Amino acid sequence: IRMNVTTLDVETSYHRKYDDTVSSPFEGDILVSVGYKVNDKPCEYLCFNHNHQKPTKDAKQILQKVLDETGLLVGHNLKFDYNWLASCRFTYNERMYDTMIIEYTFAKGLKRGFSLADSCKRRGLDLKATDLIDPYLKKKISYEDIPWEVVEEYGKQDVEITYQLACAQLNKINLKFEEVCKGFSPQ
């Protein structure tokens, strides 16, 4: 059993379609960066496609090796991140833990916000650093054109707060990551 727990977040380009923001590998958008944290180690950050930063050397091989050694992939709205990984030909076939789905389950049908910021606020965690990125997004500047230092700092903070959220959720139900990696039987 692979025991590494990897918390991951991707940043992508996006475009406007019918007044909605869309990010799709099937409509010409690109993978800009991926941040990840293995177990409780510091976050690592990889550049794939940015207009003002060279791609990280061997980024695809580095990330695939991390995924190959991962037994539990953690993310917020993980279907988005996983779709991007699969579309970029990364492979991962182990367990996944989506903090957004867990928040939805905890809500028991109540109408609540399930964004990362809303979920963190509910759990008393530091909010994600939207103040770093919001000025660019309001001007409709996509991630590949936002200054790299801002993208990297924002991305690392997203990974860290997602990890903290997952820990808080597991604590609420008296579980540990190791138990989720191995599988568990509710009593």
N, C-alpha and C. Protein backbone atom coordinates (compact mmCIF):
# COMPACT_ATOMS: atom_id res chain seq x y z
N ILE A 1 0.86 -1.18 0.00
CA ILE A 1 0.00 0.00 0.00
C ILE A 1 0.90 1.24 0.00
N ARG A 2 0.63 2.14 -0.91
CA ARG A 2 1.35 3.42 -0.94
C ARG A 2 0.82 4.28 0.19
N MET A 3 1.71 4.79 1.01
CA MET A 3 1.25 5.55 2.18
C MET A 3 1.39 7.06 2.04
N ASN A 4 2.06 7.55 0.98
CA ASN A 4 2.18 9.00 0.85
C ASN A 4 0.83 9.64 0.59
N VAL A 5 0.59 10.71 1.32
CA VAL A 5 -0.60 11.54 1.11
C VAL A 5 -0.10 12.78 0.41
N THR A 6 -0.64 13.04 -0.79
CA THR A 6 -0.22 14.20 -1.56
C THR A 6 -1.40 15.14 -1.73
N THR A 7 -1.23 16.35 -1.24
CA THR A 7 -2.23 17.41 -1.44
C THR A 7 -1.79 18.18 -2.66
N LEU A 8 -2.73 18.42 -3.57
CA LEU A 8 -2.38 18.96 -4.88
C LEU A 8 -3.38 20.03 -5.32
N ASP A 9 -2.88 20.99 -6.08
CA ASP A 9 -3.74 22.01 -6.69
C ASP A 9 -3.12 22.44 -8.01
N VAL A 10 -3.95 22.56 -9.03
CA VAL A 10 -3.47 23.03 -10.34
C VAL A 10 -4.00 24.43 -10.61
N GLU A 11 -3.22 25.18 -11.37
CA GLU A 11 -3.67 26.47 -11.89
C GLU A 11 -3.60 26.37 -13.41
N THR A 12 -4.61 26.91 -14.06
CA THR A 12 -4.72 26.79 -15.51
C THR A 12 -5.05 28.14 -16.12
N SER A 13 -4.91 28.21 -17.43
CA SER A 13 -5.43 29.39 -18.13
C SER A 13 -6.95 29.24 -18.16
N TYR A 14 -7.62 30.30 -18.52
CA TYR A 14 -9.07 30.24 -18.63
C TYR A 14 -9.51 31.25 -19.67
N HIS A 15 -10.75 31.11 -20.09
CA HIS A 15 -11.32 32.06 -21.05
C HIS A 15 -12.77 32.32 -20.68
N ARG A 16 -13.35 33.30 -21.30
CA ARG A 16 -14.76 33.64 -21.08
C ARG A 16 -15.61 33.01 -22.17
N LYS A 17 -16.73 32.44 -21.76
CA LYS A 17 -17.67 31.86 -22.71
C LYS A 17 -19.08 32.08 -22.16
N TYR A 18 -19.88 32.76 -22.91
CA TYR A 18 -21.25 33.06 -22.48
C TYR A 18 -21.27 33.69 -21.09
N ASP A 19 -20.38 34.63 -20.84
CA ASP A 19 -20.27 35.36 -19.57
C ASP A 19 -19.86 34.48 -18.39
N ASP A 20 -19.44 33.25 -18.65
CA ASP A 20 -18.93 32.38 -17.60
C ASP A 20 -17.43 32.22 -17.77
N THR A 21 -16.75 31.97 -16.67
CA THR A 21 -15.32 31.66 -16.74
C THR A 21 -15.20 30.16 -16.97
N VAL A 22 -14.43 29.79 -17.98
CA VAL A 22 -14.27 28.39 -18.35
C VAL A 22 -12.78 28.05 -18.38
N SER A 23 -12.41 26.92 -17.82
CA SER A 23 -11.06 26.39 -17.94
C SER A 23 -11.18 24.94 -18.35
N SER A 24 -10.83 24.67 -19.59
CA SER A 24 -11.00 23.32 -20.10
C SER A 24 -9.83 22.94 -20.99
N PRO A 25 -9.22 21.79 -20.74
CA PRO A 25 -8.15 21.33 -21.62
C PRO A 25 -8.69 20.99 -23.01
N PHE A 26 -9.99 20.89 -23.14
CA PHE A 26 -10.60 20.54 -24.41
C PHE A 26 -10.98 21.77 -25.23
N GLU A 27 -10.78 22.96 -24.67
CA GLU A 27 -11.13 24.19 -25.39
C GLU A 27 -9.95 25.14 -25.50
N GLY A 28 -8.73 24.58 -25.52
CA GLY A 28 -7.55 25.38 -25.77
C GLY A 28 -6.87 25.97 -24.55
N ASP A 29 -7.37 25.72 -23.36
CA ASP A 29 -6.70 26.22 -22.17
C ASP A 29 -5.48 25.35 -21.86
N ILE A 30 -4.59 25.88 -21.03
CA ILE A 30 -3.33 25.20 -20.75
C ILE A 30 -3.10 25.04 -19.25
N LEU A 31 -2.32 24.03 -18.91
CA LEU A 31 -1.88 23.81 -17.53
C LEU A 31 -0.76 24.80 -17.26
N VAL A 32 -0.95 25.69 -16.28
CA VAL A 32 0.04 26.71 -15.96
C VAL A 32 1.00 26.19 -14.90
N SER A 33 0.47 25.65 -13.80
CA SER A 33 1.32 25.23 -12.70
C SER A 33 0.63 24.19 -11.84
N VAL A 34 1.44 23.48 -11.07
CA VAL A 34 0.91 22.50 -10.12
C VAL A 34 1.70 22.65 -8.83
N GLY A 35 0.97 22.79 -7.73
CA GLY A 35 1.58 22.79 -6.41
C GLY A 35 1.21 21.49 -5.72
N TYR A 36 2.13 20.97 -4.94
CA TYR A 36 1.84 19.73 -4.21
C TYR A 36 2.63 19.69 -2.92
N LYS A 37 2.08 18.95 -1.98
CA LYS A 37 2.68 18.76 -0.66
C LYS A 37 2.59 17.27 -0.37
N VAL A 38 3.72 16.64 -0.11
CA VAL A 38 3.74 15.21 0.22
C VAL A 38 3.79 15.09 1.73
N ASN A 39 2.78 14.41 2.26
CA ASN A 39 2.63 14.26 3.71
C ASN A 39 2.65 15.65 4.35
N ASP A 40 3.48 15.87 5.35
CA ASP A 40 3.49 17.19 5.99
C ASP A 40 4.74 18.00 5.62
N LYS A 41 5.37 17.63 4.51
CA LYS A 41 6.55 18.36 4.04
C LYS A 41 6.12 19.69 3.40
N PRO A 42 7.06 20.61 3.24
CA PRO A 42 6.72 21.89 2.60
C PRO A 42 6.23 21.69 1.16
N CYS A 43 5.45 22.63 0.71
CA CYS A 43 4.88 22.59 -0.63
C CYS A 43 5.97 22.79 -1.69
N GLU A 44 5.85 22.04 -2.76
CA GLU A 44 6.69 22.20 -3.95
C GLU A 44 5.83 22.81 -5.05
N TYR A 45 6.46 23.54 -5.95
CA TYR A 45 5.67 24.21 -7.00
C TYR A 45 6.35 24.07 -8.35
N LEU A 46 5.60 23.62 -9.33
CA LEU A 46 6.12 23.36 -10.67
C LEU A 46 5.47 24.28 -11.70
N CYS A 47 6.28 24.84 -12.57
CA CYS A 47 5.78 25.66 -13.67
C CYS A 47 5.71 24.80 -14.93
N PHE A 48 4.58 24.84 -15.61
CA PHE A 48 4.41 24.12 -16.87
C PHE A 48 4.33 25.09 -18.05
N ASN A 49 3.45 26.07 -17.99
CA ASN A 49 3.26 27.01 -19.08
C ASN A 49 2.93 28.39 -18.51
N HIS A 50 3.90 29.26 -18.53
CA HIS A 50 3.69 30.63 -18.05
C HIS A 50 4.43 31.55 -19.00
N ASN A 51 3.82 32.68 -19.31
CA ASN A 51 4.40 33.57 -20.31
C ASN A 51 5.65 34.32 -19.85
N HIS A 52 5.94 34.31 -18.55
CA HIS A 52 7.08 35.07 -18.04
C HIS A 52 7.99 34.24 -17.13
N GLN A 53 7.84 32.93 -17.17
CA GLN A 53 8.64 32.04 -16.33
C GLN A 53 8.96 30.79 -17.13
N LYS A 54 10.21 30.37 -17.10
CA LYS A 54 10.58 29.13 -17.78
C LYS A 54 9.93 27.95 -17.09
N PRO A 55 9.52 26.95 -17.84
CA PRO A 55 8.97 25.75 -17.21
C PRO A 55 10.01 25.10 -16.30
N THR A 56 9.54 24.49 -15.22
CA THR A 56 10.42 23.75 -14.33
C THR A 56 11.04 22.59 -15.10
N LYS A 57 12.35 22.45 -15.00
CA LYS A 57 13.02 21.35 -15.70
C LYS A 57 12.46 20.01 -15.21
N ASP A 58 12.09 19.17 -16.15
CA ASP A 58 11.57 17.82 -15.87
C ASP A 58 10.29 17.83 -15.04
N ALA A 59 9.50 18.89 -15.16
CA ALA A 59 8.28 19.01 -14.34
C ALA A 59 7.35 17.81 -14.51
N LYS A 60 7.14 17.36 -15.73
CA LYS A 60 6.22 16.24 -15.95
C LYS A 60 6.73 14.97 -15.25
N GLN A 61 8.01 14.69 -15.35
CA GLN A 61 8.57 13.49 -14.71
C GLN A 61 8.53 13.63 -13.18
N ILE A 62 8.81 14.82 -12.68
CA ILE A 62 8.78 15.05 -11.23
C ILE A 62 7.38 14.78 -10.69
N LEU A 63 6.37 15.37 -11.34
CA LEU A 63 5.00 15.21 -10.85
C LEU A 63 4.52 13.77 -11.01
N GLN A 64 4.86 13.11 -12.11
CA GLN A 64 4.43 11.73 -12.28
C GLN A 64 5.04 10.83 -11.21
N LYS A 65 6.31 11.07 -10.86
CA LYS A 65 6.96 10.29 -9.80
C LYS A 65 6.24 10.49 -8.47
N VAL A 66 5.85 11.74 -8.17
CA VAL A 66 5.10 12.02 -6.94
C VAL A 66 3.78 11.25 -6.96
N LEU A 67 3.07 11.30 -8.08
CA LEU A 67 1.79 10.58 -8.18
C LEU A 67 2.00 9.06 -8.06
N ASP A 68 3.08 8.56 -8.63
CA ASP A 68 3.37 7.12 -8.55
C ASP A 68 3.60 6.66 -7.12
N GLU A 69 4.06 7.55 -6.27
CA GLU A 69 4.36 7.21 -4.87
C GLU A 69 3.24 7.62 -3.91
N THR A 70 2.10 8.05 -4.47
CA THR A 70 0.99 8.55 -3.66
C THR A 70 -0.07 7.48 -3.48
N GLY A 71 -0.54 7.32 -2.24
CA GLY A 71 -1.63 6.39 -1.93
C GLY A 71 -2.95 7.11 -1.73
N LEU A 72 -2.88 8.42 -1.46
CA LEU A 72 -4.08 9.22 -1.27
C LEU A 72 -3.82 10.62 -1.83
N LEU A 73 -4.61 11.01 -2.80
CA LEU A 73 -4.51 12.33 -3.42
C LEU A 73 -5.60 13.21 -2.82
N VAL A 74 -5.19 14.33 -2.25
CA VAL A 74 -6.10 15.25 -1.57
C VAL A 74 -6.21 16.54 -2.37
N GLY A 75 -7.42 17.06 -2.50
CA GLY A 75 -7.62 18.34 -3.17
C GLY A 75 -8.99 18.89 -2.85
N HIS A 76 -9.20 20.14 -3.19
CA HIS A 76 -10.51 20.78 -3.05
C HIS A 76 -11.07 20.94 -4.45
N ASN A 77 -12.23 20.35 -4.69
CA ASN A 77 -12.81 20.25 -6.03
C ASN A 77 -11.86 19.43 -6.91
N LEU A 78 -11.49 18.29 -6.40
CA LEU A 78 -10.49 17.43 -7.02
C LEU A 78 -10.86 16.96 -8.42
N LYS A 79 -12.15 16.94 -8.72
CA LYS A 79 -12.54 16.52 -10.07
C LYS A 79 -11.93 17.45 -11.12
N PHE A 80 -11.82 18.75 -10.78
CA PHE A 80 -11.20 19.72 -11.69
C PHE A 80 -9.72 19.39 -11.87
N ASP A 81 -8.99 19.24 -10.77
CA ASP A 81 -7.55 18.97 -10.83
C ASP A 81 -7.27 17.63 -11.52
N TYR A 82 -8.04 16.60 -11.14
CA TYR A 82 -7.82 15.28 -11.72
C TYR A 82 -8.11 15.28 -13.23
N ASN A 83 -9.14 15.98 -13.65
CA ASN A 83 -9.46 16.09 -15.07
C ASN A 83 -8.28 16.70 -15.83
N TRP A 84 -7.69 17.74 -15.25
CA TRP A 84 -6.53 18.36 -15.88
C TRP A 84 -5.34 17.41 -15.91
N LEU A 85 -5.08 16.72 -14.81
CA LEU A 85 -3.96 15.78 -14.79
C LEU A 85 -4.15 14.69 -15.85
N ALA A 86 -5.33 14.11 -15.90
CA ALA A 86 -5.60 13.06 -16.88
C ALA A 86 -5.49 13.59 -18.31
N SER A 87 -5.99 14.79 -18.53
CA SER A 87 -5.93 15.39 -19.88
C SER A 87 -4.50 15.68 -20.31
N CYS A 88 -3.64 15.91 -19.35
CA CYS A 88 -2.22 16.16 -19.64
C CYS A 88 -1.39 14.88 -19.59
N ARG A 89 -2.09 13.74 -19.57
CA ARG A 89 -1.50 12.40 -19.64
C ARG A 89 -0.71 11.99 -18.40
N PHE A 90 -1.10 12.53 -17.26
CA PHE A 90 -0.57 12.00 -16.00
C PHE A 90 -1.45 10.83 -15.63
N THR A 91 -0.89 9.88 -14.91
CA THR A 91 -1.70 8.75 -14.46
C THR A 91 -1.71 8.69 -12.94
N TYR A 92 -2.88 8.34 -12.42
CA TYR A 92 -3.06 8.14 -10.99
C TYR A 92 -4.29 7.27 -10.80
N ASN A 93 -4.13 6.15 -10.10
CA ASN A 93 -5.24 5.20 -9.96
C ASN A 93 -5.47 4.77 -8.51
N GLU A 94 -5.06 5.57 -7.56
CA GLU A 94 -5.23 5.21 -6.16
C GLU A 94 -6.40 6.00 -5.56
N ARG A 95 -6.47 6.05 -4.26
CA ARG A 95 -7.57 6.72 -3.56
C ARG A 95 -7.49 8.24 -3.68
N MET A 96 -8.67 8.87 -3.60
CA MET A 96 -8.75 10.33 -3.64
C MET A 96 -9.61 10.82 -2.48
N TYR A 97 -9.29 12.01 -2.01
CA TYR A 97 -10.02 12.64 -0.92
C TYR A 97 -10.29 14.08 -1.33
N ASP A 98 -11.56 14.39 -1.58
CA ASP A 98 -11.95 15.72 -2.03
C ASP A 98 -12.58 16.48 -0.86
N THR A 99 -11.89 17.51 -0.39
CA THR A 99 -12.38 18.27 0.76
C THR A 99 -13.71 18.96 0.46
N MET A 100 -13.98 19.29 -0.81
CA MET A 100 -15.26 19.91 -1.16
C MET A 100 -16.40 18.92 -0.98
N ILE A 101 -16.20 17.69 -1.41
CA ILE A 101 -17.24 16.66 -1.25
C ILE A 101 -17.48 16.38 0.23
N ILE A 102 -16.42 16.35 1.02
CA ILE A 102 -16.58 16.11 2.45
C ILE A 102 -17.38 17.26 3.08
N GLU A 103 -17.09 18.50 2.71
CA GLU A 103 -17.86 19.64 3.23
C GLU A 103 -19.33 19.52 2.84
N TYR A 104 -19.59 19.10 1.61
CA TYR A 104 -20.97 18.90 1.15
C TYR A 104 -21.66 17.83 1.99
N THR A 105 -20.95 16.76 2.28
CA THR A 105 -21.50 15.68 3.10
C THR A 105 -21.78 16.15 4.52
N PHE A 106 -20.84 16.90 5.09
CA PHE A 106 -21.04 17.44 6.44
C PHE A 106 -22.25 18.37 6.51
N ALA A 107 -22.59 19.04 5.41
CA ALA A 107 -23.70 20.01 5.40
C ALA A 107 -25.06 19.34 5.55
N LYS A 108 -25.14 18.06 5.24
CA LYS A 108 -26.38 17.28 5.38
C LYS A 108 -27.59 17.98 4.75
N GLY A 109 -27.38 18.47 3.53
CA GLY A 109 -28.48 19.07 2.79
C GLY A 109 -28.69 20.55 3.01
N LEU A 110 -27.99 21.14 3.95
CA LEU A 110 -28.12 22.58 4.18
C LEU A 110 -27.46 23.35 3.05
N LYS A 111 -28.03 24.46 2.68
CA LYS A 111 -27.47 25.32 1.64
C LYS A 111 -26.30 26.09 2.24
N ARG A 112 -25.10 25.82 1.74
CA ARG A 112 -23.89 26.49 2.21
C ARG A 112 -22.98 26.71 1.02
N GLY A 113 -22.02 27.59 1.21
CA GLY A 113 -20.98 27.75 0.20
C GLY A 113 -19.94 26.66 0.40
N PHE A 114 -19.45 26.10 -0.68
CA PHE A 114 -18.48 25.01 -0.59
C PHE A 114 -17.13 25.38 -1.20
N SER A 115 -16.93 26.67 -1.46
CA SER A 115 -15.63 27.09 -1.95
C SER A 115 -14.58 26.80 -0.89
N LEU A 116 -13.32 26.86 -1.28
CA LEU A 116 -12.26 26.63 -0.31
C LEU A 116 -12.31 27.69 0.78
N ALA A 117 -12.54 28.94 0.40
CA ALA A 117 -12.62 30.02 1.40
C ALA A 117 -13.79 29.79 2.36
N ASP A 118 -14.97 29.44 1.85
CA ASP A 118 -16.13 29.18 2.71
C ASP A 118 -15.86 28.00 3.66
N SER A 119 -15.28 26.96 3.12
CA SER A 119 -15.01 25.76 3.92
C SER A 119 -14.00 26.05 5.02
N CYS A 120 -12.98 26.80 4.70
CA CYS A 120 -11.95 27.14 5.70
C CYS A 120 -12.53 28.04 6.79
N LYS A 121 -13.36 28.97 6.39
CA LYS A 121 -13.99 29.87 7.37
C LYS A 121 -14.82 29.06 8.36
N ARG A 122 -15.57 28.08 7.84
CA ARG A 122 -16.39 27.23 8.70
C ARG A 122 -15.55 26.45 9.70
N ARG A 123 -14.35 26.06 9.31
CA ARG A 123 -13.47 25.24 10.16
C ARG A 123 -12.51 26.11 10.99
N GLY A 124 -12.64 27.46 10.88
CA GLY A 124 -11.78 28.35 11.66
C GLY A 124 -10.33 28.36 11.19
N LEU A 125 -10.11 28.11 9.90
CA LEU A 125 -8.76 28.09 9.33
C LEU A 125 -8.45 29.41 8.64
N ASP A 126 -7.16 29.69 8.49
CA ASP A 126 -6.76 30.88 7.75
C ASP A 126 -7.35 30.79 6.35
N LEU A 127 -7.87 31.91 5.88
CA LEU A 127 -8.47 31.92 4.55
C LEU A 127 -7.39 31.89 3.48
N LYS A 128 -7.76 31.36 2.31
CA LYS A 128 -6.81 31.37 1.23
C LYS A 128 -6.52 32.80 0.79
N ALA A 129 -5.42 33.00 0.18
CA ALA A 129 -4.92 34.34 -0.13
C ALA A 129 -5.51 34.88 -1.43
N THR A 130 -6.83 35.02 -1.45
CA THR A 130 -7.47 35.54 -2.66
C THR A 130 -7.08 36.98 -2.93
N ASP A 131 -6.67 37.71 -1.88
CA ASP A 131 -6.27 39.10 -2.09
C ASP A 131 -5.05 39.19 -3.00
N LEU A 132 -4.25 38.13 -3.10
CA LEU A 132 -3.10 38.12 -4.00
C LEU A 132 -3.54 38.09 -5.45
N ILE A 133 -4.56 37.31 -5.75
CA ILE A 133 -4.92 36.98 -7.11
C ILE A 133 -6.13 37.76 -7.63
N ASP A 134 -7.03 38.15 -6.73
CA ASP A 134 -8.26 38.82 -7.14
C ASP A 134 -8.07 40.05 -8.03
N PRO A 135 -7.09 40.93 -7.74
CA PRO A 135 -6.94 42.10 -8.62
C PRO A 135 -6.68 41.71 -10.08
N TYR A 136 -5.98 40.62 -10.30
CA TYR A 136 -5.69 40.17 -11.67
C TYR A 136 -6.92 39.53 -12.31
N LEU A 137 -7.62 38.71 -11.53
CA LEU A 137 -8.80 38.04 -12.07
C LEU A 137 -9.89 39.04 -12.40
N LYS A 138 -10.03 40.10 -11.58
CA LYS A 138 -11.02 41.14 -11.86
C LYS A 138 -10.73 41.86 -13.17
N LYS A 139 -9.45 41.92 -13.53
CA LYS A 139 -9.05 42.54 -14.80
C LYS A 139 -9.03 41.51 -15.94
N LYS A 140 -9.52 40.30 -15.64
CA LYS A 140 -9.60 39.19 -16.60
C LYS A 140 -8.21 38.78 -17.11
N ILE A 141 -7.22 38.85 -16.22
CA ILE A 141 -5.88 38.38 -16.54
C ILE A 141 -5.79 36.92 -16.10
N SER A 142 -5.45 36.06 -17.03
CA SER A 142 -5.37 34.63 -16.76
C SER A 142 -4.05 34.27 -16.08
N TYR A 143 -4.01 33.09 -15.44
CA TYR A 143 -2.87 32.68 -14.63
C TYR A 143 -1.54 32.69 -15.38
N GLU A 144 -1.54 32.42 -16.66
CA GLU A 144 -0.27 32.39 -17.40
C GLU A 144 0.33 33.78 -17.59
N ASP A 145 -0.45 34.83 -17.30
CA ASP A 145 0.03 36.21 -17.42
C ASP A 145 0.14 36.94 -16.08
N ILE A 146 -0.34 36.34 -15.01
CA ILE A 146 -0.18 36.92 -13.68
C ILE A 146 1.29 36.76 -13.30
N PRO A 147 1.91 37.74 -12.67
CA PRO A 147 3.32 37.58 -12.30
C PRO A 147 3.58 36.24 -11.61
N TRP A 148 4.65 35.57 -12.04
CA TRP A 148 4.93 34.23 -11.55
C TRP A 148 5.01 34.16 -10.03
N GLU A 149 5.64 35.15 -9.40
CA GLU A 149 5.79 35.14 -7.95
C GLU A 149 4.43 35.11 -7.26
N VAL A 150 3.46 35.80 -7.85
CA VAL A 150 2.10 35.83 -7.29
C VAL A 150 1.43 34.47 -7.48
N VAL A 151 1.55 33.91 -8.67
CA VAL A 151 0.95 32.59 -8.95
C VAL A 151 1.53 31.55 -7.99
N GLU A 152 2.84 31.56 -7.83
CA GLU A 152 3.48 30.57 -6.97
C GLU A 152 3.07 30.73 -5.51
N GLU A 153 3.08 31.95 -5.00
CA GLU A 153 2.69 32.16 -3.60
C GLU A 153 1.23 31.77 -3.38
N TYR A 154 0.35 32.18 -4.29
CA TYR A 154 -1.07 31.84 -4.20
C TYR A 154 -1.26 30.32 -4.25
N GLY A 155 -0.59 29.67 -5.21
CA GLY A 155 -0.74 28.23 -5.37
C GLY A 155 -0.25 27.45 -4.16
N LYS A 156 0.88 27.86 -3.60
CA LYS A 156 1.40 27.18 -2.41
C LYS A 156 0.43 27.35 -1.23
N GLN A 157 -0.14 28.55 -1.11
CA GLN A 157 -1.08 28.77 -0.02
C GLN A 157 -2.34 27.93 -0.20
N ASP A 158 -2.80 27.77 -1.44
CA ASP A 158 -3.96 26.91 -1.71
C ASP A 158 -3.69 25.47 -1.28
N VAL A 159 -2.51 24.97 -1.61
CA VAL A 159 -2.16 23.60 -1.24
C VAL A 159 -2.12 23.47 0.29
N GLU A 160 -1.47 24.40 0.94
CA GLU A 160 -1.32 24.33 2.40
C GLU A 160 -2.68 24.40 3.10
N ILE A 161 -3.55 25.30 2.67
CA ILE A 161 -4.84 25.44 3.34
C ILE A 161 -5.74 24.24 3.03
N THR A 162 -5.61 23.66 1.85
CA THR A 162 -6.37 22.45 1.54
C THR A 162 -5.93 21.30 2.44
N TYR A 163 -4.64 21.18 2.66
CA TYR A 163 -4.11 20.17 3.58
C TYR A 163 -4.66 20.40 4.99
N GLN A 164 -4.63 21.65 5.46
CA GLN A 164 -5.16 21.96 6.79
C GLN A 164 -6.65 21.65 6.88
N LEU A 165 -7.39 21.95 5.82
CA LEU A 165 -8.83 21.65 5.80
C LEU A 165 -9.05 20.14 5.89
N ALA A 166 -8.31 19.38 5.13
CA ALA A 166 -8.46 17.92 5.17
C ALA A 166 -8.15 17.39 6.58
N CYS A 167 -7.10 17.91 7.20
CA CYS A 167 -6.77 17.49 8.57
C CYS A 167 -7.90 17.82 9.54
N ALA A 168 -8.48 19.01 9.40
CA ALA A 168 -9.59 19.42 10.28
C ALA A 168 -10.81 18.52 10.06
N GLN A 169 -11.09 18.18 8.81
CA GLN A 169 -12.22 17.30 8.52
C GLN A 169 -12.01 15.91 9.12
N LEU A 170 -10.83 15.36 8.92
CA LEU A 170 -10.55 14.04 9.46
C LEU A 170 -10.59 14.05 10.99
N ASN A 171 -10.09 15.10 11.59
CA ASN A 171 -10.13 15.23 13.04
C ASN A 171 -11.59 15.22 13.54
N LYS A 172 -12.46 15.88 12.79
CA LYS A 172 -13.88 15.95 13.17
C LYS A 172 -14.52 14.56 13.24
N ILE A 173 -14.06 13.64 12.40
CA ILE A 173 -14.63 12.29 12.39
C ILE A 173 -13.66 11.25 12.96
N ASN A 174 -12.65 11.74 13.69
CA ASN A 174 -11.69 10.86 14.38
C ASN A 174 -10.99 9.86 13.46
N LEU A 175 -10.53 10.35 12.31
CA LEU A 175 -9.76 9.51 11.39
C LEU A 175 -8.41 10.14 11.15
N LYS A 176 -7.48 9.33 10.66
CA LYS A 176 -6.16 9.80 10.26
C LYS A 176 -5.96 9.45 8.79
N PHE A 177 -5.07 10.18 8.12
CA PHE A 177 -4.80 9.91 6.71
C PHE A 177 -4.43 8.45 6.47
N GLU A 178 -3.65 7.86 7.40
CA GLU A 178 -3.22 6.48 7.22
C GLU A 178 -4.42 5.53 7.12
N GLU A 179 -5.46 5.81 7.89
CA GLU A 179 -6.66 4.96 7.86
C GLU A 179 -7.40 5.12 6.54
N VAL A 180 -7.39 6.33 5.99
CA VAL A 180 -8.05 6.55 4.70
C VAL A 180 -7.24 5.87 3.60
N CYS A 181 -5.91 5.91 3.69
CA CYS A 181 -5.06 5.24 2.68
C CYS A 181 -5.32 3.74 2.66
N LYS A 182 -5.46 3.14 3.84
CA LYS A 182 -5.67 1.70 3.94
C LYS A 182 -7.10 1.29 3.68
N GLY A 183 -8.02 2.22 3.83
CA GLY A 183 -9.44 1.88 3.80
C GLY A 183 -9.89 1.62 5.22
N PHE A 184 -11.14 1.84 5.47
CA PHE A 184 -11.64 1.65 6.83
C PHE A 184 -13.08 1.18 6.77
N SER A 185 -13.50 0.58 7.84
CA SER A 185 -14.88 0.13 7.95
C SER A 185 -15.55 0.94 9.05
N PRO A 186 -16.55 1.77 8.69
CA PRO A 186 -17.26 2.52 9.74
C PRO A 186 -17.90 1.55 10.72
N GLN A 187 -17.91 1.93 11.98
CA GLN A 187 -18.46 1.06 13.01
C GLN A 187 -19.89 1.42 13.32
